[in-house]
Amino acid sequence: MERRDKINYYLDIAEAVTQRCTCLRRKYGAIIVRNDEVISTGYAGAPRGRKNCTDLGYCIRAARKIPRGERYELCRSVHAEANAIISASRQEMLGATLYLVGKEADTGEYVENANSCPMCKRQIINAGIETVIIRDTKDSYRIIPVDSWISDDDSLQEQFGY
């Protein structure tokens, strides 16, 4: 049996974390790894004590037909990346890698062109995470240096239309 490469090994763990997700649209799982040690995990779900979309039986963004990537302030969930960051100390995250997997809730397919939302990108930057690796297929992924999110500030493009 061939040994799984390390990046896909960590992405497989992040994919397992998606099974705890309570979002009705997309299931995201994230893990933060530093020096080959898993620091924390996170999945998308409502804040502690609040009802999840799976409990309510509906998604407000889906009910309002809000397209992907828009109006995240209406979402009940704390995103997977944010939950992983909340569960770790900044000292542990400095120079770490965040592994992210997104799957469509209705089909189980990988989310096409998955990426962190603008708010999660800001949190990842401030946490001191160095690299984000996002799964595209069972064996392929993208490696994103977090510094690129600093130099290519998409919040300016969104706000001013550049």
C-alpha atoms as a PDB file:
ATOM      1  CA  MET A   1       0.000   0.000   0.000  1.00  0.00           C
ATOM      2  CA  GLU A   2       1.315   3.413  -0.988  1.00  0.00           C
ATOM      3  CA  ARG A   3       1.766   5.903   1.826  1.00  0.00           C
ATOM      4  CA  ARG A   4      -0.401   9.048   1.568  1.00  0.00           C
ATOM      5  CA  ASP A   5       1.555  12.264   1.045  1.00  0.00           C
ATOM      6  CA  LYS A   6       1.589  14.570   4.050  1.00  0.00           C
ATOM      7  CA  ILE A   7      -0.485  17.396   2.551  1.00  0.00           C
ATOM      8  CA  ASN A   8      -3.307  15.061   1.525  1.00  0.00           C
ATOM      9  CA  TYR A   9      -3.053  13.336   4.905  1.00  0.00           C
ATOM     10  CA  TYR A  10      -3.813  16.639   6.648  1.00  0.00           C
ATOM     11  CA  LEU A  11      -6.498  17.484   4.083  1.00  0.00           C
ATOM     12  CA  ASP A  12      -8.073  14.089   4.785  1.00  0.00           C
ATOM     13  CA  ILE A  13      -8.259  15.040   8.469  1.00  0.00           C
ATOM     14  CA  ALA A  14      -9.851  18.393   7.570  1.00  0.00           C
ATOM     15  CA  GLU A  15     -12.299  16.514   5.364  1.00  0.00           C
ATOM     16  CA  ALA A  16     -13.229  14.252   8.293  1.00  0.00           C
ATOM     17  CA  VAL A  17     -13.923  17.402  10.328  1.00  0.00           C
ATOM     18  CA  THR A  18     -16.565  18.425   7.740  1.00  0.00           C
ATOM     19  CA  GLN A  19     -18.749  15.619   9.105  1.00  0.00           C
ATOM     20  CA  ARG A  20     -19.460  17.772  12.186  1.00  0.00           C
ATOM     21  CA  CYS A  21     -20.615  20.755  10.094  1.00  0.00           C
ATOM     22  CA  THR A  22     -24.201  21.921  10.608  1.00  0.00           C
ATOM     23  CA  CYS A  23     -24.542  24.123   7.518  1.00  0.00           C
ATOM     24  CA  LEU A  24     -27.199  23.055   5.039  1.00  0.00           C
ATOM     25  CA  ARG A  25     -25.413  24.554   2.003  1.00  0.00           C
ATOM     26  CA  ARG A  26     -21.740  23.695   2.347  1.00  0.00           C
ATOM     27  CA  LYS A  27     -19.741  21.620   4.765  1.00  0.00           C
ATOM     28  CA  TYR A  28     -16.330  23.079   5.595  1.00  0.00           C
ATOM     29  CA  GLY A  29     -13.650  21.642   7.818  1.00  0.00           C
ATOM     30  CA  ALA A  30     -10.334  23.207   8.780  1.00  0.00           C
ATOM     31  CA  ILE A  31      -7.306  22.162  10.751  1.00  0.00           C
ATOM     32  CA  ILE A  32      -4.280  24.183  11.792  1.00  0.00           C
ATOM     33  CA  VAL A  33      -0.932  22.393  11.768  1.00  0.00           C
ATOM     34  CA  ARG A  34       2.450  23.593  12.967  1.00  0.00           C
ATOM     35  CA  ASN A  35       5.631  21.508  13.044  1.00  0.00           C
ATOM     36  CA  ASP A  36       3.664  18.403  12.025  1.00  0.00           C
ATOM     37  CA  GLU A  37       1.333  18.744  14.994  1.00  0.00           C
ATOM     38  CA  VAL A  38      -2.397  19.406  14.704  1.00  0.00           C
ATOM     39  CA  ILE A  39      -3.009  22.542  16.783  1.00  0.00           C
ATOM     40  CA  SER A  40      -6.782  22.796  16.359  1.00  0.00           C
ATOM     41  CA  THR A  41      -9.766  21.898  14.221  1.00  0.00           C
ATOM     42  CA  GLY A  42     -12.889  23.777  13.226  1.00  0.00           C
ATOM     43  CA  TYR A  43     -16.080  23.261  11.273  1.00  0.00           C
ATOM     44  CA  ALA A  44     -18.898  25.577  10.220  1.00  0.00           C
ATOM     45  CA  GLY A  45     -21.707  25.784  12.754  1.00  0.00           C
ATOM     46  CA  ALA A  46     -23.775  28.201  14.818  1.00  0.00           C
ATOM     47  CA  PRO A  47     -22.199  29.763  17.922  1.00  0.00           C
ATOM     48  CA  ARG A  48     -22.376  27.644  21.061  1.00  0.00           C
ATOM     49  CA  GLY A  49     -25.863  27.590  22.524  1.00  0.00           C
ATOM     50  CA  ARG A  50     -27.592  28.839  19.372  1.00  0.00           C
ATOM     51  CA  LYS A  51     -29.610  26.599  17.082  1.00  0.00           C
ATOM     52  CA  ASN A  52     -27.838  25.324  14.000  1.00  0.00           C
ATOM     53  CA  CYS A  53     -29.398  25.417  10.540  1.00  0.00           C
ATOM     54  CA  THR A  54     -29.678  21.627  10.745  1.00  0.00           C
ATOM     55  CA  ASP A  55     -31.737  22.078  13.945  1.00  0.00           C
ATOM     56  CA  LEU A  56     -33.914  24.771  12.365  1.00  0.00           C
ATOM     57  CA  GLY A  57     -34.329  22.890   9.104  1.00  0.00           C
ATOM     58  CA  TYR A  58     -33.542  25.856   6.883  1.00  0.00           C
ATOM     59  CA  CYS A  59     -30.790  28.236   5.789  1.00  0.00           C
ATOM     60  CA  ILE A  60     -31.708  31.930   5.716  1.00  0.00           C
ATOM     61  CA  ARG A  61     -29.223  32.598   2.892  1.00  0.00           C
ATOM     62  CA  ALA A  62     -30.676  29.762   0.789  1.00  0.00           C
ATOM     63  CA  ALA A  63     -34.247  30.851   1.563  1.00  0.00           C
ATOM     64  CA  ARG A  64     -33.385  34.352   0.328  1.00  0.00           C
ATOM     65  CA  LYS A  65     -31.537  32.922  -2.704  1.00  0.00           C
ATOM     66  CA  ILE A  66     -28.359  34.767  -1.762  1.00  0.00           C
ATOM     67  CA  PRO A  67     -25.509  33.778  -4.112  1.00  0.00           C
ATOM     68  CA  ARG A  68     -22.313  32.182  -2.870  1.00  0.00           C
ATOM     69  CA  GLY A  69     -19.842  34.738  -1.579  1.00  0.00           C
ATOM     70  CA  GLU A  70     -22.419  37.379  -0.640  1.00  0.00           C
ATOM     71  CA  ARG A  71     -24.104  38.550   2.567  1.00  0.00           C
ATOM     72  CA  TYR A  72     -22.162  36.372   5.004  1.00  0.00           C
ATOM     73  CA  GLU A  73     -23.447  38.543   7.838  1.00  0.00           C
ATOM     74  CA  LEU A  74     -26.789  36.739   7.484  1.00  0.00           C
ATOM     75  CA  CYS A  75     -25.203  33.314   7.966  1.00  0.00           C
ATOM     76  CA  ARG A  76     -25.825  31.642  11.350  1.00  0.00           C
ATOM     77  CA  SER A  77     -22.491  29.810  11.210  1.00  0.00           C
ATOM     78  CA  VAL A  78     -19.091  30.613  12.527  1.00  0.00           C
ATOM     79  CA  HIS A  79     -16.886  29.505   9.658  1.00  0.00           C
ATOM     80  CA  ALA A  80     -14.531  26.518   9.940  1.00  0.00           C
ATOM     81  CA  GLU A  81     -11.404  28.677   9.734  1.00  0.00           C
ATOM     82  CA  ALA A  82     -12.655  31.011  12.464  1.00  0.00           C
ATOM     83  CA  ASN A  83     -13.563  28.106  14.747  1.00  0.00           C
ATOM     84  CA  ALA A  84     -10.096  26.584  14.274  1.00  0.00           C
ATOM     85  CA  ILE A  85      -8.474  29.949  15.056  1.00  0.00           C
ATOM     86  CA  ILE A  86     -10.646  30.455  18.150  1.00  0.00           C
ATOM     87  CA  SER A  87      -9.498  27.066  19.473  1.00  0.00           C
ATOM     88  CA  ALA A  88      -5.770  27.840  19.310  1.00  0.00           C
ATOM     89  CA  SER A  89      -3.441  30.383  20.848  1.00  0.00           C
ATOM     90  CA  ARG A  90      -1.783  32.885  18.542  1.00  0.00           C
ATOM     91  CA  GLN A  91       1.629  31.675  19.678  1.00  0.00           C
ATOM     92  CA  GLU A  92       0.780  28.198  18.378  1.00  0.00           C
ATOM     93  CA  MET A  93      -0.470  29.565  15.044  1.00  0.00           C
ATOM     94  CA  LEU A  94       2.535  31.731  14.162  1.00  0.00           C
ATOM     95  CA  GLY A  95       3.992  30.234  10.980  1.00  0.00           C
ATOM     96  CA  ALA A  96       1.377  27.463  10.879  1.00  0.00           C
ATOM     97  CA  THR A  97      -0.561  26.037   7.943  1.00  0.00           C
ATOM     98  CA  LEU A  98      -4.355  25.941   7.757  1.00  0.00           C
ATOM     99  CA  TYR A  99      -5.824  23.060   5.727  1.00  0.00           C
ATOM    100  CA  LEU A 100      -9.330  23.678   4.365  1.00  0.00           C
ATOM    101  CA  VAL A 101     -11.857  21.357   2.730  1.00  0.00           C
ATOM    102  CA  GLY A 102     -15.305  22.357   1.474  1.00  0.00           C
ATOM    103  CA  LYS A 103     -18.017  19.997   0.245  1.00  0.00           C
ATOM    104  CA  GLU A 104     -21.446  20.720  -1.174  1.00  0.00           C
ATOM    105  CA  ALA A 105     -24.005  19.565   1.401  1.00  0.00           C
ATOM    106  CA  ASP A 106     -26.473  18.212  -1.155  1.00  0.00           C
ATOM    107  CA  THR A 107     -24.067  16.344  -3.461  1.00  0.00           C
ATOM    108  CA  GLY A 108     -20.949  15.697  -1.370  1.00  0.00           C
ATOM    109  CA  GLU A 109     -18.829  17.099  -4.210  1.00  0.00           C
ATOM    110  CA  TYR A 110     -15.884  19.339  -3.398  1.00  0.00           C
ATOM    111  CA  VAL A 111     -16.733  23.041  -3.504  1.00  0.00           C
ATOM    112  CA  GLU A 112     -15.439  24.387  -6.800  1.00  0.00           C
ATOM    113  CA  ASN A 113     -12.810  27.104  -6.314  1.00  0.00           C
ATOM    114  CA  ALA A 114     -13.249  26.984  -2.531  1.00  0.00           C
ATOM    115  CA  ASN A 115     -11.590  29.797  -0.637  1.00  0.00           C
ATOM    116  CA  SER A 116     -11.796  31.602   2.654  1.00  0.00           C
ATOM    117  CA  CYS A 117     -14.284  34.465   2.822  1.00  0.00           C
ATOM    118  CA  PRO A 118     -12.935  38.016   3.296  1.00  0.00           C
ATOM    119  CA  MET A 119     -13.571  37.963   7.066  1.00  0.00           C
ATOM    120  CA  CYS A 120     -11.810  34.610   7.513  1.00  0.00           C
ATOM    121  CA  LYS A 121      -8.883  35.869   5.424  1.00  0.00           C
ATOM    122  CA  ARG A 122      -8.479  38.786   7.846  1.00  0.00           C
ATOM    123  CA  GLN A 123      -8.572  36.447  10.818  1.00  0.00           C
ATOM    124  CA  ILE A 124      -6.029  34.091   9.211  1.00  0.00           C
ATOM    125  CA  ILE A 125      -3.709  37.031   8.539  1.00  0.00           C
ATOM    126  CA  ASN A 126      -3.986  38.311  12.125  1.00  0.00           C
ATOM    127  CA  ALA A 127      -3.538  34.819  13.587  1.00  0.00           C
ATOM    128  CA  GLY A 128      -0.071  34.667  12.019  1.00  0.00           C
ATOM    129  CA  ILE A 129      -0.878  31.649   9.854  1.00  0.00           C
ATOM    130  CA  GLU A 130       1.641  31.447   7.029  1.00  0.00           C
ATOM    131  CA  THR A 131       0.000  29.163   4.449  1.00  0.00           C
ATOM    132  CA  VAL A 132      -3.492  27.975   3.529  1.00  0.00           C
ATOM    133  CA  ILE A 133      -3.921  24.737   1.585  1.00  0.00           C
ATOM    134  CA  ILE A 134      -7.322  24.159  -0.015  1.00  0.00           C
ATOM    135  CA  ARG A 135      -8.513  20.831  -1.431  1.00  0.00           C
ATOM    136  CA  ASP A 136      -9.862  20.862  -5.000  1.00  0.00           C
ATOM    137  CA  THR A 137     -10.200  17.089  -5.523  1.00  0.00           C
ATOM    138  CA  LYS A 138      -9.374  14.012  -3.451  1.00  0.00           C
ATOM    139  CA  ASP A 139      -5.729  14.317  -4.513  1.00  0.00           C
ATOM    140  CA  SER A 140      -5.239  17.896  -5.738  1.00  0.00           C
ATOM    141  CA  TYR A 141      -5.056  21.153  -3.854  1.00  0.00           C
ATOM    142  CA  ARG A 142      -3.908  24.768  -3.995  1.00  0.00           C
ATOM    143  CA  ILE A 143      -1.205  26.215  -1.755  1.00  0.00           C
ATOM    144  CA  ILE A 144      -1.831  29.866  -0.919  1.00  0.00           C
ATOM    145  CA  PRO A 145       0.805  31.977   0.828  1.00  0.00           C
ATOM    146  CA  VAL A 146      -1.098  34.206   3.263  1.00  0.00           C
ATOM    147  CA  ASP A 147       1.249  37.077   2.343  1.00  0.00           C
ATOM    148  CA  SER A 148      -0.492  37.138  -1.057  1.00  0.00           C
ATOM    149  CA  TRP A 149      -3.732  38.108   0.727  1.00  0.00           C
ATOM    150  CA  ILE A 150      -1.888  41.042   2.271  1.00  0.00           C
ATOM    151  CA  SER A 151      -0.302  42.299  -0.947  1.00  0.00           C
ATOM    152  CA  ASP A 152      -3.467  41.635  -3.007  1.00  0.00           C
ATOM    153  CA  ASP A 153      -5.980  43.289  -0.685  1.00  0.00           C
ATOM    154  CA  ASP A 154      -9.320  42.105  -2.088  1.00  0.00           C
ATOM    155  CA  SER A 155     -11.200  44.230   0.453  1.00  0.00           C
ATOM    156  CA  LEU A 156     -10.099  47.334  -1.465  1.00  0.00           C
ATOM    157  CA  GLN A 157     -11.240  45.811  -4.753  1.00  0.00           C
ATOM    158  CA  GLU A 158     -14.656  44.929  -3.323  1.00  0.00           C
ATOM    159  CA  GLN A 159     -15.162  48.272  -1.665  1.00  0.00           C
ATOM    160  CA  PHE A 160     -14.026  50.536  -4.484  1.00  0.00           C
ATOM    161  CA  GLY A 161     -14.571  48.328  -7.529  1.00  0.00           C
ATOM    162  CA  TYR A 162     -10.931  48.266  -8.712  1.00  0.00           C
END
